[in-house]
Amino acid sequence: MTNVTDGDQPSTDYASFLRAADLRVTPQRLAIIGVLAAEADHPSADEILSRARRIDDTVSLATVYRTLSSLEAAGIIRKLAIEDASARFELTPRREHDHLVDVDTGEVIEIPNDEIVQLHQEIARRMGYDIVSHHTILRGRRRQD
């Protein structure tokens, strides 16, 4: 898996990540990776298209879908499949984390927590497994306290 992030900060040498994954470096691919690195809001393909066109107006929706598929297969990005909603995308994180989806707004919120990771690892170890990766999506509604 290729990690585009370095700690909590994204690297800006996206061309190197593409080359390391044996993918051609194109302005469109660089724009799409740049969009994903610029914000932490887990955009959908349509949102990526809109933002990428601000960088390179030659980007099409077909290019976005093909590029997202290639980047996901190369391990550069992660697709977040959220039931009843458009898929969301993020750069592959160096540190695993889970997500909370607000069922009312659709907002995707990162839940970085080493305790959860350790608990997953302990449970898997007791079952005779080593975790290769994990990803949990929680669905919730903001409390009205």
Protein backbone atom coordinates (compact mmCIF):
# COMPACT_ATOMS: atom_id res chain seq x y z
CA MET A 1 0.00 0.00 0.00
CA THR A 2 1.30 3.46 -0.86
CA ASN A 3 0.86 6.12 1.78
CA VAL A 4 0.50 9.60 0.37
CA THR A 5 0.41 11.07 3.84
CA ASP A 6 3.45 11.56 6.01
CA GLY A 7 2.23 11.45 9.58
CA ASP A 8 -0.75 13.76 9.63
CA GLN A 9 0.52 15.98 6.80
CA PRO A 10 0.13 15.06 3.13
CA SER A 11 3.20 14.94 0.93
CA THR A 12 3.08 17.19 -2.13
CA ASP A 13 5.21 14.97 -4.39
CA TYR A 14 2.23 13.23 -5.98
CA ALA A 15 4.13 12.44 -9.18
CA SER A 16 6.47 10.18 -7.20
CA PHE A 17 3.53 8.25 -5.77
CA LEU A 18 2.07 7.77 -9.23
CA ARG A 19 5.41 6.58 -10.62
CA ALA A 20 5.96 4.24 -7.66
CA ALA A 21 2.57 2.68 -8.43
CA ASP A 22 3.49 2.34 -12.14
CA LEU A 23 0.84 4.90 -13.10
CA ARG A 24 1.36 7.58 -15.72
CA VAL A 25 1.76 11.08 -14.36
CA THR A 26 -0.87 13.30 -15.98
CA PRO A 27 -2.09 16.77 -15.07
CA GLN A 28 -5.56 15.33 -14.44
CA ARG A 29 -4.28 12.69 -12.01
CA LEU A 30 -2.18 15.29 -10.22
CA ALA A 31 -5.22 17.56 -9.94
CA ILE A 32 -7.37 14.77 -8.50
CA ILE A 33 -4.75 13.77 -5.92
CA GLY A 34 -4.26 17.44 -5.09
CA VAL A 35 -7.99 17.81 -4.43
CA LEU A 36 -7.95 14.83 -2.07
CA ALA A 37 -4.88 16.14 -0.26
CA ALA A 38 -6.16 19.70 0.06
CA GLU A 39 -9.19 19.00 2.23
CA ALA A 40 -10.19 16.41 4.80
CA ASP A 41 -13.89 16.30 3.97
CA HIS A 42 -13.96 12.97 2.09
CA PRO A 43 -15.42 14.23 -1.20
CA SER A 44 -17.58 12.24 -3.60
CA ALA A 45 -16.60 11.76 -7.26
CA ASP A 46 -18.84 14.68 -8.27
CA GLU A 47 -17.25 16.95 -5.66
CA ILE A 48 -13.78 15.86 -6.79
CA LEU A 49 -14.73 16.70 -10.40
CA SER A 50 -15.93 20.18 -9.44
CA ARG A 51 -12.79 20.94 -7.43
CA ALA A 52 -10.39 19.37 -9.95
CA ARG A 53 -11.86 21.50 -12.75
CA ARG A 54 -10.74 24.59 -10.82
CA ILE A 55 -7.18 23.26 -11.18
CA ASP A 56 -7.44 21.72 -14.67
CA ASP A 57 -10.54 22.39 -16.74
CA THR A 58 -9.83 19.36 -18.98
CA VAL A 59 -10.84 16.93 -16.21
CA SER A 60 -14.01 15.02 -17.08
CA LEU A 61 -16.24 12.81 -14.93
CA ALA A 62 -15.02 9.74 -16.84
CA THR A 63 -11.43 10.76 -16.06
CA VAL A 64 -12.31 11.16 -12.39
CA TYR A 65 -13.86 7.67 -12.21
CA ARG A 66 -10.99 6.02 -14.11
CA THR A 67 -8.40 7.82 -12.02
CA LEU A 68 -10.13 7.01 -8.72
CA SER A 69 -10.27 3.36 -9.72
CA SER A 70 -6.57 3.31 -10.65
CA LEU A 71 -5.54 5.18 -7.51
CA GLU A 72 -7.60 2.84 -5.33
CA ALA A 73 -6.12 -0.26 -6.98
CA ALA A 74 -2.64 1.19 -6.41
CA GLY A 75 -3.39 1.83 -2.74
CA ILE A 76 -2.96 5.59 -3.05
CA ILE A 77 -6.54 6.36 -2.05
CA ARG A 78 -9.25 4.62 -0.06
CA LYS A 79 -12.88 4.42 -1.12
CA LEU A 80 -15.41 4.79 1.67
CA ALA A 81 -18.53 2.87 0.71
CA ILE A 82 -21.35 4.32 2.76
CA GLU A 83 -24.74 2.67 2.42
CA ASP A 84 -27.45 4.80 0.84
CA ALA A 85 -24.92 7.47 -0.21
CA SER A 86 -22.33 8.20 -2.85
CA ALA A 87 -18.91 6.70 -2.22
CA ARG A 88 -16.45 9.07 -0.62
CA PHE A 89 -12.68 9.11 -1.07
CA GLU A 90 -9.59 9.93 0.97
CA LEU A 91 -5.87 9.56 0.58
CA THR A 92 -4.69 6.30 2.10
CA PRO A 93 -3.80 7.22 5.66
CA ARG A 94 -0.52 6.27 7.27
CA ARG A 95 -2.44 5.57 10.49
CA GLU A 96 -5.68 3.61 10.38
CA HIS A 97 -8.78 5.38 11.58
CA ASP A 98 -12.50 4.87 11.51
CA HIS A 99 -15.28 7.14 10.34
CA LEU A 100 -18.55 8.42 11.76
CA VAL A 101 -21.25 9.36 9.24
CA ASP A 102 -23.84 11.89 10.37
CA VAL A 103 -27.09 10.34 9.11
CA ASP A 104 -28.80 13.72 8.90
CA THR A 105 -26.14 15.73 7.04
CA GLY A 106 -24.05 13.02 5.38
CA GLU A 107 -20.89 14.53 6.87
CA VAL A 108 -18.04 12.01 7.21
CA ILE A 109 -15.96 12.56 10.35
CA GLU A 110 -12.64 10.86 11.07
CA ILE A 111 -12.24 9.03 14.37
CA PRO A 112 -8.52 8.66 15.04
CA ASN A 113 -8.10 6.56 18.16
CA ASP A 114 -5.18 4.33 19.09
CA GLU A 115 -7.29 2.60 21.77
CA ILE A 116 -9.72 1.31 19.16
CA VAL A 117 -6.85 0.04 16.99
CA GLN A 118 -5.27 -1.71 19.99
CA LEU A 119 -8.60 -3.29 20.93
CA HIS A 120 -9.08 -4.58 17.37
CA GLN A 121 -5.56 -6.02 17.40
CA GLU A 122 -6.07 -7.72 20.76
CA ILE A 123 -9.37 -9.30 19.71
CA ALA A 124 -7.88 -10.52 16.43
CA ARG A 125 -4.81 -11.89 18.25
CA ARG A 126 -7.03 -13.87 20.65
CA MET A 127 -8.80 -15.30 17.61
CA GLY A 128 -5.47 -16.26 16.04
CA TYR A 129 -5.24 -13.47 13.46
CA ASP A 130 -3.04 -10.49 12.66
CA ILE A 131 -4.91 -7.48 11.30
CA VAL A 132 -3.72 -6.42 7.87
CA SER A 133 -6.01 -3.39 7.75
CA HIS A 134 -9.25 -2.27 9.27
CA HIS A 135 -11.94 0.25 8.62
CA THR A 136 -15.15 0.76 10.54
CA ILE A 137 -17.93 3.13 9.58
CA LEU A 138 -20.27 4.20 12.36
CA ARG A 139 -23.54 5.91 11.59
CA GLY A 140 -24.87 8.41 14.09
CA ARG A 141 -27.03 11.39 14.78
CA ARG A 142 -25.87 14.44 16.71
CA ARG A 143 -27.44 14.53 20.19
CA GLN A 144 -29.79 17.40 20.95
CA ASP A 145 -28.63 17.95 24.56
